[in-house]
Amino acid sequence: MADPVTVVIDSYEAHLLPADTLRVALVVPVSGVLGLLGPGAINCAVLAAREVNAAGGVLGRPVELVLVDGGRGPAAVASEVRGLVRSGVVEAVVGTHASDVRVAVEQELGGAAPQKYLL
């Protein structure tokens, strides 16, 4: 990987664009009461992904982040994440958001994808 590039894409685009990357759902609030956390969380995730990609990626695959707005209602967020995982668009989930969103996502996925949350 000569030029590690980190891409943050919208979840709708992720369904349309094929990739040979390791796509990770980045669930952060960009709307609602916790929306102020979003930009900082996105910047931290991009920095981490760039560092991973600069070191060769994960099992040789560069990481690509798929942004999911975690500031919406828990059911809406969980449904979107479930759709991304079940369709194979993402293979893991990370994020920082309210605990009710975390619980809803965990219940929807039922262990179908690795998850890591910071909040």
PDB file of N, CA and C in Angstrom:
ATOM      1  N   MET A   1       0.835  -1.177   0.000  1.00  0.00           N
ATOM      2  CA  MET A   1       0.000   0.000   0.000  1.00  0.00           C
ATOM      3  C   MET A   1       0.879   1.239   0.000  1.00  0.00           C
ATOM      4  N   ALA A   2       1.136   1.741  -1.143  1.00  0.00           N
ATOM      5  CA  ALA A   2       2.016   2.886  -1.270  1.00  0.00           C
ATOM      6  C   ALA A   2       1.377   4.171  -0.768  1.00  0.00           C
ATOM      7  N   ASP A   3       0.120   4.386  -1.071  1.00  0.00           N
ATOM      8  CA  ASP A   3      -0.555   5.623  -0.705  1.00  0.00           C
ATOM      9  C   ASP A   3      -1.849   5.297   0.030  1.00  0.00           C
ATOM     10  N   PRO A   4      -1.766   5.101   1.381  1.00  0.00           N
ATOM     11  CA  PRO A   4      -2.974   4.735   2.110  1.00  0.00           C
ATOM     12  C   PRO A   4      -3.986   5.869   2.108  1.00  0.00           C
ATOM     13  N   VAL A   5      -5.166   5.582   1.610  1.00  0.00           N
ATOM     14  CA  VAL A   5      -6.233   6.565   1.560  1.00  0.00           C
ATOM     15  C   VAL A   5      -7.381   6.053   2.415  1.00  0.00           C
ATOM     16  N   THR A   6      -7.877   6.903   3.267  1.00  0.00           N
ATOM     17  CA  THR A   6      -9.025   6.536   4.068  1.00  0.00           C
ATOM     18  C   THR A   6     -10.244   7.218   3.489  1.00  0.00           C
ATOM     19  N   VAL A   7     -11.255   6.447   3.237  1.00  0.00           N
ATOM     20  CA  VAL A   7     -12.469   6.980   2.658  1.00  0.00           C
ATOM     21  C   VAL A   7     -13.594   6.824   3.669  1.00  0.00           C
ATOM     22  N   VAL A   8     -14.356   7.886   3.846  1.00  0.00           N
ATOM     23  CA  VAL A   8     -15.584   7.821   4.629  1.00  0.00           C
ATOM     24  C   VAL A   8     -16.715   7.997   3.631  1.00  0.00           C
ATOM     25  N   ILE A   9     -17.555   6.984   3.525  1.00  0.00           N
ATOM     26  CA  ILE A   9     -18.636   7.062   2.556  1.00  0.00           C
ATOM     27  C   ILE A   9     -19.992   6.936   3.251  1.00  0.00           C
ATOM     28  N   ASP A  10     -20.999   7.407   2.588  1.00  0.00           N
ATOM     29  CA  ASP A  10     -22.365   7.326   3.055  1.00  0.00           C
ATOM     30  C   ASP A  10     -22.852   5.887   2.938  1.00  0.00           C
ATOM     31  N   SER A  11     -23.733   5.483   3.831  1.00  0.00           N
ATOM     32  CA  SER A  11     -24.198   4.099   3.804  1.00  0.00           C
ATOM     33  C   SER A  11     -24.962   3.758   2.523  1.00  0.00           C
ATOM     34  N   TYR A  12     -25.647   4.726   1.937  1.00  0.00           N
ATOM     35  CA  TYR A  12     -26.355   4.458   0.677  1.00  0.00           C
ATOM     36  C   TYR A  12     -25.368   4.235  -0.464  1.00  0.00           C
ATOM     37  N   GLU A  13     -24.291   5.016  -0.497  1.00  0.00           N
ATOM     38  CA  GLU A  13     -23.255   4.821  -1.517  1.00  0.00           C
ATOM     39  C   GLU A  13     -22.582   3.467  -1.342  1.00  0.00           C
ATOM     40  N   ALA A  14     -22.402   3.054  -0.099  1.00  0.00           N
ATOM     41  CA  ALA A  14     -21.729   1.784   0.169  1.00  0.00           C
ATOM     42  C   ALA A  14     -22.475   0.614  -0.450  1.00  0.00           C
ATOM     43  N   HIS A  15     -23.799   0.704  -0.500  1.00  0.00           N
ATOM     44  CA  HIS A  15     -24.588  -0.360  -1.136  1.00  0.00           C
ATOM     45  C   HIS A  15     -24.346  -0.407  -2.640  1.00  0.00           C
ATOM     46  N   LEU A  16     -24.007   0.730  -3.229  1.00  0.00           N
ATOM     47  CA  LEU A  16     -23.879   0.825  -4.679  1.00  0.00           C
ATOM     48  C   LEU A  16     -22.462   0.613  -5.196  1.00  0.00           C
ATOM     49  N   LEU A  17     -21.459   0.947  -4.373  1.00  0.00           N
ATOM     50  CA  LEU A  17     -20.075   0.911  -4.825  1.00  0.00           C
ATOM     51  C   LEU A  17     -19.379  -0.367  -4.368  1.00  0.00           C
ATOM     52  N   PRO A  18     -18.917  -1.186  -5.301  1.00  0.00           N
ATOM     53  CA  PRO A  18     -18.181  -2.390  -4.911  1.00  0.00           C
ATOM     54  C   PRO A  18     -16.829  -2.003  -4.303  1.00  0.00           C
ATOM     55  N   ALA A  19     -16.318  -2.857  -3.445  1.00  0.00           N
ATOM     56  CA  ALA A  19     -15.038  -2.549  -2.793  1.00  0.00           C
ATOM     57  C   ALA A  19     -14.288  -3.821  -2.446  1.00  0.00           C
ATOM     58  N   ASP A  20     -12.968  -3.725  -2.450  1.00  0.00           N
ATOM     59  CA  ASP A  20     -12.132  -4.816  -1.974  1.00  0.00           C
ATOM     60  C   ASP A  20     -11.512  -4.436  -0.632  1.00  0.00           C
ATOM     61  N   THR A  21     -12.121  -3.454   0.014  1.00  0.00           N
ATOM     62  CA  THR A  21     -11.663  -2.973   1.307  1.00  0.00           C
ATOM     63  C   THR A  21     -12.403  -3.683   2.432  1.00  0.00           C
ATOM     64  N   LEU A  22     -11.936  -3.466   3.655  1.00  0.00           N
ATOM     65  CA  LEU A  22     -12.655  -3.907   4.842  1.00  0.00           C
ATOM     66  C   LEU A  22     -13.529  -2.732   5.259  1.00  0.00           C
ATOM     67  N   ARG A  23     -14.799  -2.843   4.981  1.00  0.00           N
ATOM     68  CA  ARG A  23     -15.717  -1.753   5.319  1.00  0.00           C
ATOM     69  C   ARG A  23     -16.227  -1.926   6.742  1.00  0.00           C
ATOM     70  N   VAL A  24     -16.145  -0.822   7.479  1.00  0.00           N
ATOM     71  CA  VAL A  24     -16.551  -0.792   8.878  1.00  0.00           C
ATOM     72  C   VAL A  24     -17.607   0.286   9.051  1.00  0.00           C
ATOM     73  N   ALA A  25     -18.749  -0.078   9.631  1.00  0.00           N
ATOM     74  CA  ALA A  25     -19.787   0.915   9.913  1.00  0.00           C
ATOM     75  C   ALA A  25     -19.300   1.796  11.061  1.00  0.00           C
ATOM     76  N   LEU A  26     -19.286   3.095  10.832  1.00  0.00           N
ATOM     77  CA  LEU A  26     -18.914   4.074  11.851  1.00  0.00           C
ATOM     78  C   LEU A  26     -20.197   4.743  12.310  1.00  0.00           C
ATOM     79  N   VAL A  27     -20.704   4.324  13.474  1.00  0.00           N
ATOM     80  CA  VAL A  27     -21.970   4.823  13.998  1.00  0.00           C
ATOM     81  C   VAL A  27     -21.681   5.955  14.982  1.00  0.00           C
ATOM     82  N   VAL A  28     -21.883   7.178  14.524  1.00  0.00           N
ATOM     83  CA  VAL A  28     -21.673   8.355  15.376  1.00  0.00           C
ATOM     84  C   VAL A  28     -22.824   9.331  15.157  1.00  0.00           C
ATOM     85  N   PRO A  29     -23.183  10.096  16.187  1.00  0.00           N
ATOM     86  CA  PRO A  29     -24.269  11.051  16.018  1.00  0.00           C
ATOM     87  C   PRO A  29     -23.799  12.264  15.220  1.00  0.00           C
ATOM     88  N   VAL A  30     -24.476  12.537  14.128  1.00  0.00           N
ATOM     89  CA  VAL A  30     -24.209  13.768  13.379  1.00  0.00           C
ATOM     90  C   VAL A  30     -25.458  14.642  13.361  1.00  0.00           C
ATOM     91  N   SER A  31     -26.484  14.192  14.074  1.00  0.00           N
ATOM     92  CA  SER A  31     -27.707  14.969  14.242  1.00  0.00           C
ATOM     93  C   SER A  31     -28.179  14.769  15.679  1.00  0.00           C
ATOM     94  N   GLY A  32     -29.185  15.507  16.057  1.00  0.00           N
ATOM     95  CA  GLY A  32     -29.762  15.339  17.386  1.00  0.00           C
ATOM     96  C   GLY A  32     -28.928  15.959  18.493  1.00  0.00           C
ATOM     97  N   VAL A  33     -29.304  15.630  19.721  1.00  0.00           N
ATOM     98  CA  VAL A  33     -28.685  16.219  20.909  1.00  0.00           C
ATOM     99  C   VAL A  33     -27.184  15.958  20.976  1.00  0.00           C
ATOM    100  N   LEU A  34     -26.752  14.773  20.599  1.00  0.00           N
ATOM    101  CA  LEU A  34     -25.326  14.418  20.660  1.00  0.00           C
ATOM    102  C   LEU A  34     -24.581  14.735  19.373  1.00  0.00           C
ATOM    103  N   GLY A  35     -25.215  15.436  18.443  1.00  0.00           N
ATOM    104  CA  GLY A  35     -24.602  15.744  17.156  1.00  0.00           C
ATOM    105  C   GLY A  35     -23.274  16.464  17.232  1.00  0.00           C
ATOM    106  N   LEU A  36     -23.033  17.179  18.325  1.00  0.00           N
ATOM    107  CA  LEU A  36     -21.752  17.875  18.479  1.00  0.00           C
ATOM    108  C   LEU A  36     -20.581  16.905  18.608  1.00  0.00           C
ATOM    109  N   LEU A  37     -20.853  15.666  19.017  1.00  0.00           N
ATOM    110  CA  LEU A  37     -19.792  14.655  19.141  1.00  0.00           C
ATOM    111  C   LEU A  37     -19.325  14.130  17.788  1.00  0.00           C
ATOM    112  N   GLY A  38     -20.192  14.209  16.795  1.00  0.00           N
ATOM    113  CA  GLY A  38     -19.926  13.600  15.503  1.00  0.00           C
ATOM    114  C   GLY A  38     -18.628  13.994  14.836  1.00  0.00           C
ATOM    115  N   PRO A  39     -18.392  15.286  14.613  1.00  0.00           N
ATOM    116  CA  PRO A  39     -17.165  15.669  13.902  1.00  0.00           C
ATOM    117  C   PRO A  39     -15.883  15.173  14.576  1.00  0.00           C
ATOM    118  N   GLY A  40     -15.823  15.284  15.887  1.00  0.00           N
ATOM    119  CA  GLY A  40     -14.628  14.807  16.597  1.00  0.00           C
ATOM    120  C   GLY A  40     -14.461  13.303  16.485  1.00  0.00           C
ATOM    121  N   ALA A  41     -15.573  12.571  16.615  1.00  0.00           N
ATOM    122  CA  ALA A  41     -15.528  11.112  16.514  1.00  0.00           C
ATOM    123  C   ALA A  41     -15.125  10.676  15.110  1.00  0.00           C
ATOM    124  N   ILE A  42     -15.638  11.362  14.103  1.00  0.00           N
ATOM    125  CA  ILE A  42     -15.279  11.038  12.717  1.00  0.00           C
ATOM    126  C   ILE A  42     -13.798  11.294  12.492  1.00  0.00           C
ATOM    127  N   ASN A  43     -13.300  12.424  12.965  1.00  0.00           N
ATOM    128  CA  ASN A  43     -11.874  12.736  12.798  1.00  0.00           C
ATOM    129  C   ASN A  43     -10.993  11.691  13.466  1.00  0.00           C
ATOM    130  N   CYS A  44     -11.366  11.252  14.662  1.00  0.00           N
ATOM    131  CA  CYS A  44     -10.580  10.225  15.361  1.00  0.00           C
ATOM    132  C   CYS A  44     -10.602   8.904  14.598  1.00  0.00           C
ATOM    133  N   ALA A  45     -11.772   8.534  14.079  1.00  0.00           N
ATOM    134  CA  ALA A  45     -11.882   7.283  13.324  1.00  0.00           C
ATOM    135  C   ALA A  45     -11.068   7.339  12.037  1.00  0.00           C
ATOM    136  N   VAL A  46     -11.102   8.481  11.363  1.00  0.00           N
ATOM    137  CA  VAL A  46     -10.311   8.641  10.133  1.00  0.00           C
ATOM    138  C   VAL A  46      -8.823   8.531  10.453  1.00  0.00           C
ATOM    139  N   LEU A  47      -8.378   9.161  11.522  1.00  0.00           N
ATOM    140  CA  LEU A  47      -6.972   9.074  11.922  1.00  0.00           C
ATOM    141  C   LEU A  47      -6.583   7.621  12.202  1.00  0.00           C
ATOM    142  N   ALA A  48      -7.422   6.912  12.956  1.00  0.00           N
ATOM    143  CA  ALA A  48      -7.128   5.504  13.263  1.00  0.00           C
ATOM    144  C   ALA A  48      -7.081   4.657  12.000  1.00  0.00           C
ATOM    145  N   ALA A  49      -8.043   4.871  11.103  1.00  0.00           N
ATOM    146  CA  ALA A  49      -8.068   4.092   9.859  1.00  0.00           C
ATOM    147  C   ALA A  49      -6.837   4.395   9.011  1.00  0.00           C
ATOM    148  N   ARG A  50      -6.431   5.640   8.967  1.00  0.00           N
ATOM    149  CA  ARG A  50      -5.212   5.983   8.202  1.00  0.00           C
ATOM    150  C   ARG A  50      -3.991   5.296   8.773  1.00  0.00           C
ATOM    151  N   GLU A  51      -3.891   5.240  10.092  1.00  0.00           N
ATOM    152  CA  GLU A  51      -2.756   4.568  10.720  1.00  0.00           C
ATOM    153  C   GLU A  51      -2.769   3.072  10.405  1.00  0.00           C
ATOM    154  N   VAL A  52      -3.946   2.458  10.481  1.00  0.00           N
ATOM    155  CA  VAL A  52      -4.065   1.030  10.151  1.00  0.00           C
ATOM    156  C   VAL A  52      -3.711   0.806   8.690  1.00  0.00           C
ATOM    157  N   ASN A  53      -4.223   1.644   7.806  1.00  0.00           N
ATOM    158  CA  ASN A  53      -3.952   1.483   6.372  1.00  0.00           C
ATOM    159  C   ASN A  53      -2.479   1.708   6.052  1.00  0.00           C
ATOM    160  N   ALA A  54      -1.851   2.670   6.720  1.00  0.00           N
ATOM    161  CA  ALA A  54      -0.423   2.928   6.497  1.00  0.00           C
ATOM    162  C   ALA A  54       0.435   1.734   6.919  1.00  0.00           C
ATOM    163  N   ALA A  55      -0.076   0.959   7.877  1.00  0.00           N
ATOM    164  CA  ALA A  55       0.644  -0.223   8.353  1.00  0.00           C
ATOM    165  C   ALA A  55       0.283  -1.478   7.565  1.00  0.00           C
ATOM    166  N   GLY A  56      -0.462  -1.330   6.480  1.00  0.00           N
ATOM    167  CA  GLY A  56      -0.785  -2.479   5.637  1.00  0.00           C
ATOM    168  C   GLY A  56      -2.225  -2.931   5.710  1.00  0.00           C
ATOM    169  N   GLY A  57      -3.050  -2.224   6.464  1.00  0.00           N
ATOM    170  CA  GLY A  57      -4.459  -2.584   6.547  1.00  0.00           C
ATOM    171  C   GLY A  57      -4.707  -3.733   7.499  1.00  0.00           C
ATOM    172  N   VAL A  58      -5.861  -4.358   7.360  1.00  0.00           N
ATOM    173  CA  VAL A  58      -6.226  -5.513   8.173  1.00  0.00           C
ATOM    174  C   VAL A  58      -6.191  -6.726   7.262  1.00  0.00           C
ATOM    175  N   LEU A  59      -5.255  -7.625   7.528  1.00  0.00           N
ATOM    176  CA  LEU A  59      -5.039  -8.795   6.678  1.00  0.00           C
ATOM    177  C   LEU A  59      -4.846  -8.387   5.220  1.00  0.00           C
ATOM    178  N   GLY A  60      -4.127  -7.271   5.039  1.00  0.00           N
ATOM    179  CA  GLY A  60      -3.808  -6.790   3.700  1.00  0.00           C
ATOM    180  C   GLY A  60      -4.903  -5.974   3.033  1.00  0.00           C
ATOM    181  N   ARG A  61      -6.012  -5.774   3.702  1.00  0.00           N
ATOM    182  CA  ARG A  61      -7.121  -5.004   3.132  1.00  0.00           C
ATOM    183  C   ARG A  61      -7.194  -3.632   3.786  1.00  0.00           C
ATOM    184  N   PRO A  62      -7.249  -2.562   2.988  1.00  0.00           N
ATOM    185  CA  PRO A  62      -7.404  -1.235   3.581  1.00  0.00           C
ATOM    186  C   PRO A  62      -8.790  -1.086   4.212  1.00  0.00           C
ATOM    187  N   VAL A  63      -8.840  -0.276   5.258  1.00  0.00           N
ATOM    188  CA  VAL A  63     -10.093  -0.016   5.963  1.00  0.00           C
ATOM    189  C   VAL A  63     -10.810   1.150   5.301  1.00  0.00           C
ATOM    190  N   GLU A  64     -12.119   1.006   5.145  1.00  0.00           N
ATOM    191  CA  GLU A  64     -12.972   2.059   4.621  1.00  0.00           C
ATOM    192  C   GLU A  64     -14.131   2.220   5.607  1.00  0.00           C
ATOM    193  N   LEU A  65     -14.430   3.450   5.973  1.00  0.00           N
ATOM    194  CA  LEU A  65     -15.473   3.730   6.953  1.00  0.00           C
ATOM    195  C   LEU A  65     -16.789   4.072   6.265  1.00  0.00           C
ATOM    196  N   VAL A  66     -17.870   3.491   6.756  1.00  0.00           N
ATOM    197  CA  VAL A  66     -19.215   3.757   6.233  1.00  0.00           C
ATOM    198  C   VAL A  66     -19.971   4.492   7.335  1.00  0.00           C
ATOM    199  N   LEU A  67     -20.269   5.753   7.105  1.00  0.00           N
ATOM    200  CA  LEU A  67     -20.883   6.598   8.119  1.00  0.00           C
ATOM    201  C   LEU A  67     -22.367   6.299   8.299  1.00  0.00           C
ATOM    202  N   VAL A  68     -22.753   6.088   9.560  1.00  0.00           N
ATOM    203  CA  VAL A  68     -24.152   5.894   9.939  1.00  0.00           C
ATOM    204  C   VAL A  68     -24.464   6.922  11.019  1.00  0.00           C
ATOM    205  N   ASP A  69     -25.517   7.709  10.825  1.00  0.00           N
ATOM    206  CA  ASP A  69     -25.897   8.732  11.803  1.00  0.00           C
ATOM    207  C   ASP A  69     -26.504   8.076  13.034  1.00  0.00           C
ATOM    208  N   GLY A  70     -25.743   8.029  14.112  1.00  0.00           N
ATOM    209  CA  GLY A  70     -26.193   7.449  15.374  1.00  0.00           C
ATOM    210  C   GLY A  70     -27.004   8.402  16.220  1.00  0.00           C
ATOM    211  N   GLY A  71     -27.307   9.597  15.711  1.00  0.00           N
ATOM    212  CA  GLY A  71     -28.090  10.565  16.461  1.00  0.00           C
ATOM    213  C   GLY A  71     -29.586  10.404  16.273  1.00  0.00           C
ATOM    214  N   ARG A  72     -29.991   9.503  15.434  1.00  0.00           N
ATOM    215  CA  ARG A  72     -31.412   9.252  15.197  1.00  0.00           C
ATOM    216  C   ARG A  72     -31.953   8.291  16.260  1.00  0.00           C
ATOM    217  N   GLY A  73     -33.197   7.935  16.146  1.00  0.00           N
ATOM    218  CA  GLY A  73     -33.795   6.990  17.082  1.00  0.00           C
ATOM    219  C   GLY A  73     -33.116   5.638  17.020  1.00  0.00           C
ATOM    220  N   PRO A  74     -33.072   4.926  18.157  1.00  0.00           N
ATOM    221  CA  PRO A  74     -32.387   3.635  18.217  1.00  0.00           C
ATOM    222  C   PRO A  74     -32.867   2.627  17.166  1.00  0.00           C
ATOM    223  N   ALA A  75     -34.164   2.542  16.944  1.00  0.00           N
ATOM    224  CA  ALA A  75     -34.689   1.565  15.981  1.00  0.00           C
ATOM    225  C   ALA A  75     -34.220   1.875  14.563  1.00  0.00           C
ATOM    226  N   ALA A  76     -34.199   3.151  14.196  1.00  0.00           N
ATOM    227  CA  ALA A  76     -33.762   3.537  12.848  1.00  0.00           C
ATOM    228  C   ALA A  76     -32.284   3.233  12.642  1.00  0.00           C
ATOM    229  N   VAL A  77     -31.466   3.543  13.638  1.00  0.00           N
ATOM    230  CA  VAL A  77     -30.022   3.278  13.538  1.00  0.00           C
ATOM    231  C   VAL A  77     -29.780   1.772  13.449  1.00  0.00           C
ATOM    232  N   ALA A  78     -30.426   1.019  14.332  1.00  0.00           N
ATOM    233  CA  ALA A  78     -30.240  -0.435  14.357  1.00  0.00           C
ATOM    234  C   ALA A  78     -30.679  -1.073  13.045  1.00  0.00           C
ATOM    235  N   SER A  79     -31.766  -0.597  12.485  1.00  0.00           N
ATOM    236  CA  SER A  79     -32.247  -1.129  11.217  1.00  0.00           C
ATOM    237  C   SER A  79     -31.252  -0.870  10.094  1.00  0.00           C
ATOM    238  N   GLU A  80     -30.697   0.333  10.054  1.00  0.00           N
ATOM    239  CA  GLU A  80     -29.723   0.650   9.006  1.00  0.00           C
ATOM    240  C   GLU A  80     -28.463  -0.202   9.149  1.00  0.00           C
ATOM    241  N   VAL A  81     -27.963  -0.345  10.376  1.00  0.00           N
ATOM    242  CA  VAL A  81     -26.757  -1.150  10.605  1.00  0.00           C
ATOM    243  C   VAL A  81     -27.035  -2.609  10.249  1.00  0.00           C
ATOM    244  N   ARG A  82     -28.201  -3.117  10.653  1.00  0.00           N
ATOM    245  CA  ARG A  82     -28.560  -4.495  10.311  1.00  0.00           C
ATOM    246  C   ARG A  82     -28.558  -4.708   8.798  1.00  0.00           C
ATOM    247  N   GLY A  83     -29.110  -3.752   8.061  1.00  0.00           N
ATOM    248  CA  GLY A  83     -29.131  -3.854   6.606  1.00  0.00           C
ATOM    249  C   GLY A  83     -27.740  -3.864   6.006  1.00  0.00           C
ATOM    250  N   LEU A  84     -26.854  -3.047   6.543  1.00  0.00           N
ATOM    251  CA  LEU A  84     -25.479  -3.006   6.051  1.00  0.00           C
ATOM    252  C   LEU A  84     -24.751  -4.324   6.312  1.00  0.00           C
ATOM    253  N   VAL A  85     -24.954  -4.885   7.509  1.00  0.00           N
ATOM    254  CA  VAL A  85     -24.281  -6.137   7.862  1.00  0.00           C
ATOM    255  C   VAL A  85     -24.865  -7.303   7.065  1.00  0.00           C
ATOM    256  N   ARG A  86     -26.173  -7.415   7.042  1.00  0.00           N
ATOM    257  CA  ARG A  86     -26.814  -8.550   6.366  1.00  0.00           C
ATOM    258  C   ARG A  86     -26.567  -8.562   4.864  1.00  0.00           C
ATOM    259  N   SER A  87     -26.411  -7.391   4.274  1.00  0.00           N
ATOM    260  CA  SER A  87     -26.143  -7.335   2.836  1.00  0.00           C
ATOM    261  C   SER A  87     -24.658  -7.515   2.521  1.00  0.00           C
ATOM    262  N   GLY A  88     -23.820  -7.595   3.559  1.00  0.00           N
ATOM    263  CA  GLY A  88     -22.394  -7.788   3.347  1.00  0.00           C
ATOM    264  C   GLY A  88     -21.642  -6.518   3.021  1.00  0.00           C
ATOM    265  N   VAL A  89     -22.300  -5.370   3.149  1.00  0.00           N
ATOM    266  CA  VAL A  89     -21.650  -4.096   2.843  1.00  0.00           C
ATOM    267  C   VAL A  89     -20.586  -3.769   3.887  1.00  0.00           C
ATOM    268  N   VAL A  90     -20.850  -4.073   5.164  1.00  0.00           N
ATOM    269  CA  VAL A  90     -19.866  -3.861   6.223  1.00  0.00           C
ATOM    270  C   VAL A  90     -19.616  -5.182   6.937  1.00  0.00           C
ATOM    271  N   GLU A  91     -18.412  -5.286   7.512  1.00  0.00           N
ATOM    272  CA  GLU A  91     -18.033  -6.509   8.205  1.00  0.00           C
ATOM    273  C   GLU A  91     -17.817  -6.307   9.695  1.00  0.00           C
ATOM    274  N   ALA A  92     -17.853  -5.036  10.138  1.00  0.00           N
ATOM    275  CA  ALA A  92     -17.672  -4.727  11.551  1.00  0.00           C
ATOM    276  C   ALA A  92     -18.369  -3.405  11.844  1.00  0.00           C
ATOM    277  N   VAL A  93     -18.570  -3.136  13.137  1.00  0.00           N
ATOM    278  CA  VAL A  93     -19.263  -1.924  13.565  1.00  0.00           C
ATOM    279  C   VAL A  93     -18.469  -1.292  14.699  1.00  0.00           C
ATOM    280  N   VAL A  94     -18.224   0.024  14.573  1.00  0.00           N
ATOM    281  CA  VAL A  94     -17.600   0.796  15.645  1.00  0.00           C
ATOM    282  C   VAL A  94     -18.424   2.060  15.838  1.00  0.00           C
ATOM    283  N   GLY A  95     -18.233   2.714  16.965  1.00  0.00           N
ATOM    284  CA  GLY A  95     -18.950   3.963  17.128  1.00  0.00           C
ATOM    285  C   GLY A  95     -18.897   4.533  18.519  1.00  0.00           C
ATOM    286  N   THR A  96     -19.418   5.735  18.599  1.00  0.00           N
ATOM    287  CA  THR A  96     -19.615   6.409  19.869  1.00  0.00           C
ATOM    288  C   THR A  96     -20.974   7.086  19.791  1.00  0.00           C
ATOM    289  N   HIS A  97     -21.874   6.686  20.669  1.00  0.00           N
ATOM    290  CA  HIS A  97     -23.245   7.187  20.630  1.00  0.00           C
ATOM    291  C   HIS A  97     -23.930   6.844  21.930  1.00  0.00           C
ATOM    292  N   ALA A  98     -25.192   7.185  22.037  1.00  0.00           N
ATOM    293  CA  ALA A  98     -25.954   6.938  23.259  1.00  0.00           C
ATOM    294  C   ALA A  98     -26.133   5.437  23.505  1.00  0.00           C
ATOM    295  N   SER A  99     -26.271   5.071  24.771  1.00  0.00           N
ATOM    296  CA  SER A  99     -26.369   3.660  25.125  1.00  0.00           C
ATOM    297  C   SER A  99     -27.639   2.994  24.589  1.00  0.00           C
ATOM    298  N   ASP A 100     -28.726   3.741  24.440  1.00  0.00           N
ATOM    299  CA  ASP A 100     -29.934   3.116  23.900  1.00  0.00           C
ATOM    300  C   ASP A 100     -29.737   2.707  22.438  1.00  0.00           C
ATOM    301  N   VAL A 101     -28.923   3.455  21.718  1.00  0.00           N
ATOM    302  CA  VAL A 101     -28.591   3.089  20.338  1.00  0.00           C
ATOM    303  C   VAL A 101     -27.713   1.844  20.331  1.00  0.00           C
ATOM    304  N   ARG A 102     -26.733   1.793  21.228  1.00  0.00           N
ATOM    305  CA  ARG A 102     -25.856   0.619  21.319  1.00  0.00           C
ATOM    306  C   ARG A 102     -26.659  -0.638  21.596  1.00  0.00           C
ATOM    307  N   VAL A 103     -27.571  -0.569  22.550  1.00  0.00           N
ATOM    308  CA  VAL A 103     -28.385  -1.728  22.903  1.00  0.00           C
ATOM    309  C   VAL A 103     -29.230  -2.174  21.715  1.00  0.00           C
ATOM    310  N   ALA A 104     -29.850  -1.227  21.027  1.00  0.00           N
ATOM    311  CA  ALA A 104     -30.686  -1.567  19.869  1.00  0.00           C
ATOM    312  C   ALA A 104     -29.868  -2.222  18.763  1.00  0.00           C
ATOM    313  N   VAL A 105     -28.672  -1.690  18.493  1.00  0.00           N
ATOM    314  CA  VAL A 105     -27.816  -2.260  17.447  1.00  0.00           C
ATOM    315  C   VAL A 105     -27.381  -3.669  17.835  1.00  0.00           C
ATOM    316  N   GLU A 106     -26.970  -3.850  19.082  1.00  0.00           N
ATOM    317  CA  GLU A 106     -26.545  -5.175  19.533  1.00  0.00           C
ATOM    318  C   GLU A 106     -27.683  -6.190  19.413  1.00  0.00           C
ATOM    319  N   GLN A 107     -28.889  -5.790  19.790  1.00  0.00           N
ATOM    320  CA  GLN A 107     -30.031  -6.701  19.693  1.00  0.00           C
ATOM    321  C   GLN A 107     -30.357  -7.030  18.239  1.00  0.00           C
ATOM    322  N   GLU A 108     -30.287  -6.050  17.360  1.00  0.00           N
ATOM    323  CA  GLU A 108     -30.573  -6.283  15.930  1.00  0.00           C
ATOM    324  C   GLU A 108     -29.556  -7.221  15.303  1.00  0.00           C
ATOM    325  N   LEU A 109     -28.283  -7.046  15.659  1.00  0.00           N
ATOM    326  CA  LEU A 109     -27.233  -7.848  15.018  1.00  0.00           C
ATOM    327  C   LEU A 109     -27.121  -9.238  15.611  1.00  0.00           C
ATOM    328  N   GLY A 110     -27.368  -9.377  16.887  1.00  0.00           N
ATOM    329  CA  GLY A 110     -27.289 -10.693  17.507  1.00  0.00           C
ATOM    330  C   GLY A 110     -25.962 -11.388  17.287  1.00  0.00           C
ATOM    331  N   GLY A 111     -24.857 -10.637  17.295  1.00  0.00           N
ATOM    332  CA  GLY A 111     -23.539 -11.225  17.111  1.00  0.00           C
ATOM    333  C   GLY A 111     -23.125 -11.442  15.665  1.00  0.00           C
ATOM    334  N   ALA A 112     -23.885 -10.901  14.711  1.00  0.00           N
ATOM    335  CA  ALA A 112     -23.595 -11.118  13.296  1.00  0.00           C
ATOM    336  C   ALA A 112     -22.346 -10.393  12.813  1.00  0.00           C
ATOM    337  N   ALA A 113     -21.834  -9.430  13.586  1.00  0.00           N
ATOM    338  CA  ALA A 113     -20.627  -8.695  13.191  1.00  0.00           C
ATOM    339  C   ALA A 113     -19.899  -8.240  14.452  1.00  0.00           C
ATOM    340  N   PRO A 114     -18.555  -8.181  14.408  1.00  0.00           N
ATOM    341  CA  PRO A 114     -17.820  -7.647  15.545  1.00  0.00           C
ATOM    342  C   PRO A 114     -18.209  -6.194  15.791  1.00  0.00           C
ATOM    343  N   GLN A 115     -18.296  -5.820  17.086  1.00  0.00           N
ATOM    344  CA  GLN A 115     -18.685  -4.463  17.457  1.00  0.00           C
ATOM    345  C   GLN A 115     -17.766  -3.919  18.537  1.00  0.00           C
ATOM    346  N   LYS A 116     -17.496  -2.611  18.459  1.00  0.00           N
ATOM    347  CA  LYS A 116     -16.706  -1.929  19.476  1.00  0.00           C
ATOM    348  C   LYS A 116     -17.271  -0.536  19.647  1.00  0.00           C
ATOM    349  N   TYR A 117     -17.614  -0.155  20.874  1.00  0.00           N
ATOM    350  CA  TYR A 117     -18.224   1.140  21.127  1.00  0.00           C
ATOM    351  C   TYR A 117     -17.412   1.915  22.146  1.00  0.00           C
ATOM    352  N   LEU A 118     -17.405   3.230  21.983  1.00  0.00           N
ATOM    353  CA  LEU A 118     -16.698   4.127  22.889  1.00  0.00           C
ATOM    354  C   LEU A 118     -17.684   5.105  23.498  1.00  0.00           C
ATOM    355  N   LEU A 119     -18.507   4.680  24.402  1.00  0.00           N
ATOM    356  CA  LEU A 119     -19.411   5.573  25.143  1.00  0.00           C
ATOM    357  C   LEU A 119     -20.297   4.770  26.026  1.00  0.00           C
TER     358      LEU A 119
END
